[in-house]
């Protein structure tokens, strides 16, 4: 084997440098890909958390209104004007649920809950108006009608279960 000439050494180091540059580029690309995947996971978790929290907030707001309505009906102090205001508020909640992007909810349980809440509000709103009209016309509210208004609050166990088990932690 002949001894290497100066040009051979330059070629050798250039080849080694090229191989190292290729390996470094691969390592950098791998790191950037991993960082991008991690960022995407974190962003998805945050979107899931916000979507779930929004769903829970709509329910809790509607529940406060519904509970107030039931208390006022039981106390026989629920004028039609107050009923109209409560109906408008609950209708907005129902409309928010109807336009809620279900595909953004984190789990199937959240989607089912959103659909159930919308259905409950759709039944709850007219029942509340009927109860207020009964109270205004004859001073009493049919107990079955009052009980039907309670069904909305019955979803609270399902809500709490979803909060404990399915709400992504932020």
Protein backbone atom coordinates (compact mmCIF):
# COMPACT_ATOMS: atom_id res chain seq x y z
CA UNK A 1 0.00 0.00 0.00
CA UNK A 2 1.44 3.32 -1.01
CA UNK A 3 1.52 6.08 1.50
CA UNK A 4 -1.27 8.58 1.42
CA UNK A 5 -0.59 11.85 -0.19
CA UNK A 6 -1.74 15.14 1.09
CA UNK A 7 -4.71 15.17 -1.32
CA UNK A 8 -5.78 11.73 -0.07
CA UNK A 9 -5.97 13.02 3.48
CA UNK A 10 -8.10 15.95 2.42
CA UNK A 11 -10.44 13.60 0.58
CA UNK A 12 -10.61 11.28 3.59
CA UNK A 13 -11.48 14.11 6.02
CA UNK A 14 -13.98 15.54 3.56
CA UNK A 15 -15.69 12.14 3.35
CA UNK A 16 -15.71 11.75 7.15
CA UNK A 17 -17.08 15.29 7.49
CA UNK A 18 -19.81 14.53 4.98
CA UNK A 19 -20.83 11.38 6.86
CA UNK A 20 -20.89 13.30 10.16
CA UNK A 21 -22.96 16.09 8.59
CA UNK A 22 -25.47 13.53 7.30
CA UNK A 23 -25.69 11.88 10.74
CA UNK A 24 -26.08 15.27 12.43
CA UNK A 25 -28.84 16.26 9.99
CA UNK A 26 -30.66 13.01 10.73
CA UNK A 27 -30.33 13.54 14.48
CA UNK A 28 -31.59 17.12 14.23
CA UNK A 29 -34.53 16.07 12.06
CA UNK A 30 -35.38 13.30 14.54
CA UNK A 31 -35.24 15.72 17.46
CA UNK A 32 -37.37 18.32 15.65
CA UNK A 33 -39.92 15.65 14.68
CA UNK A 34 -40.16 14.48 18.28
CA UNK A 35 -40.52 18.03 19.53
CA UNK A 36 -43.25 18.72 16.96
CA UNK A 37 -45.16 15.57 17.97
CA UNK A 38 -44.89 16.52 21.64
CA UNK A 39 -46.15 20.04 20.90
CA UNK A 40 -49.06 18.63 18.86
CA UNK A 41 -49.99 16.28 21.74
CA UNK A 42 -49.87 19.15 24.23
CA UNK A 43 -51.99 21.37 21.97
CA UNK A 44 -54.55 18.58 21.48
CA UNK A 45 -54.70 17.99 25.24
CA UNK A 46 -55.31 21.70 25.80
CA UNK A 47 -58.06 21.79 23.13
CA UNK A 48 -59.65 18.73 24.73
CA UNK A 49 -59.50 20.33 28.17
CA UNK A 50 -61.03 23.58 26.94
CA UNK A 51 -63.79 21.80 24.98
CA UNK A 52 -64.70 19.62 27.96
CA UNK A 53 -64.59 22.57 30.35
CA UNK A 54 -66.85 24.54 27.99
CA UNK A 55 -69.37 21.71 27.94
CA UNK A 56 -69.33 21.50 31.75
CA UNK A 57 -69.70 25.29 32.05
CA UNK A 58 -72.78 25.30 29.80
CA UNK A 59 -74.32 22.53 31.90
CA UNK A 60 -73.52 24.19 35.22
CA UNK A 61 -74.90 27.54 34.06
CA UNK A 62 -78.10 25.92 32.81
CA UNK A 63 -78.37 23.92 36.03
CA UNK A 64 -78.18 27.09 38.15
CA UNK A 65 -81.00 28.64 36.11
CA UNK A 66 -83.02 25.41 36.20
CA UNK A 67 -82.60 25.05 39.97
CA UNK A 68 -83.64 28.67 40.48
CA UNK A 69 -86.73 28.11 38.32
CA UNK A 70 -87.70 25.00 40.29
CA UNK A 71 -87.28 26.80 43.62
CA UNK A 72 -89.40 29.72 42.41
CA UNK A 73 -92.09 27.37 41.08
CA UNK A 74 -92.23 25.44 44.36
CA UNK A 75 -92.50 28.73 46.25
CA UNK A 76 -95.26 29.71 43.80
CA UNK A 77 -93.39 32.93 43.00
CA UNK A 78 -92.48 32.63 39.34
CA UNK A 79 -94.05 35.36 37.21
CA UNK A 80 -94.32 34.93 33.46
CA UNK A 81 -91.77 37.71 32.85
CA UNK A 82 -89.20 35.83 34.91
CA UNK A 83 -90.12 32.65 33.03
CA UNK A 84 -89.53 34.40 29.71
CA UNK A 85 -86.08 35.55 30.85
CA UNK A 86 -85.15 32.08 32.05
CA UNK A 87 -86.40 30.59 28.77
CA UNK A 88 -84.22 32.99 26.77
CA UNK A 89 -81.16 32.10 28.85
CA UNK A 90 -81.76 28.36 28.60
CA UNK A 91 -82.50 28.66 24.88
CA UNK A 92 -79.08 30.29 24.42
CA UNK A 93 -77.49 27.41 26.33
CA UNK A 94 -79.32 24.91 24.14
CA UNK A 95 -78.28 26.80 21.00
CA UNK A 96 -74.65 26.77 22.14
CA UNK A 97 -74.89 23.02 22.58
CA UNK A 98 -76.54 22.62 19.18
CA UNK A 99 -73.67 24.44 17.51
CA UNK A 100 -70.96 22.89 19.69
CA UNK A 101 -68.23 21.24 17.60
CA UNK A 102 -68.74 17.68 18.83
CA UNK A 103 -65.62 16.49 17.00
CA UNK A 104 -63.56 18.65 19.36
CA UNK A 105 -64.80 16.85 22.48
CA UNK A 106 -62.18 14.51 23.93
CA UNK A 107 -64.23 11.34 24.45
CA UNK A 108 -67.36 9.59 23.31
CA UNK A 109 -68.77 10.18 26.80
CA UNK A 110 -68.46 13.93 26.34
CA UNK A 111 -70.20 13.75 22.96
CA UNK A 112 -73.07 11.70 24.42
CA UNK A 113 -73.38 14.16 27.28
CA UNK A 114 -73.55 17.13 24.91
CA UNK A 115 -76.32 15.45 22.92
CA UNK A 116 -78.21 14.52 26.13
CA UNK A 117 -77.88 18.06 27.49
CA UNK A 118 -79.27 19.54 24.30
CA UNK A 119 -82.18 17.08 24.35
CA UNK A 120 -82.88 17.77 28.04
CA UNK A 121 -82.85 21.52 27.47
CA UNK A 122 -85.14 21.11 24.46
CA UNK A 123 -87.68 19.37 26.71
CA UNK A 124 -86.98 21.50 29.78
CA UNK A 125 -87.60 24.91 28.19
CA UNK A 126 -91.23 24.37 27.12
CA UNK A 127 -92.01 22.50 30.36
CA UNK A 128 -90.76 25.47 32.35
CA UNK A 129 -92.97 27.82 30.34
CA UNK A 130 -95.96 25.51 30.83
CA UNK A 131 -95.32 25.40 34.57
CA UNK A 132 -95.16 29.20 34.78
CA UNK A 133 -98.43 29.47 32.83
CA UNK A 134 -100.11 26.92 35.13
CA UNK A 135 -98.92 28.84 38.16
CA UNK A 136 -100.18 32.13 36.71
CA UNK A 137 -103.58 30.74 35.74
CA UNK A 138 -104.53 28.61 38.75
CA UNK A 139 -101.87 29.21 41.42
CA UNK A 140 -100.59 25.61 41.27
CA UNK A 141 -98.11 23.59 39.23
CA UNK A 142 -98.74 19.98 38.28
CA UNK A 143 -96.34 17.80 40.31
CA UNK A 144 -95.51 15.71 37.21
CA UNK A 145 -94.44 18.86 35.43
CA UNK A 146 -92.27 19.89 38.37
CA UNK A 147 -90.73 16.42 38.42
CA UNK A 148 -89.95 16.59 34.71
CA UNK A 149 -87.93 19.74 35.39
CA UNK A 150 -85.83 17.75 37.87
CA UNK A 151 -84.62 15.39 35.13
CA UNK A 152 -82.11 18.01 34.01
CA UNK A 153 -80.39 17.96 37.39
CA UNK A 154 -80.24 14.16 37.22
CA UNK A 155 -77.38 14.45 34.72
CA UNK A 156 -75.11 15.81 37.45
CA UNK A 157 -73.82 12.33 38.37
CA UNK A 158 -72.83 11.72 34.76
CA UNK A 159 -71.14 15.14 34.64
CA UNK A 160 -69.15 14.49 37.80
CA UNK A 161 -68.09 11.06 36.55
CA UNK A 162 -66.81 12.56 33.31
CA UNK A 163 -64.98 15.29 35.19
CA UNK A 164 -63.20 12.69 37.34
CA UNK A 165 -62.36 10.19 34.64
CA UNK A 166 -62.27 11.81 31.24
CA UNK A 167 -61.34 15.46 31.59
CA UNK A 168 -57.76 15.83 30.38
CA UNK A 169 -55.53 17.46 32.94
CA UNK A 170 -54.00 20.72 31.86
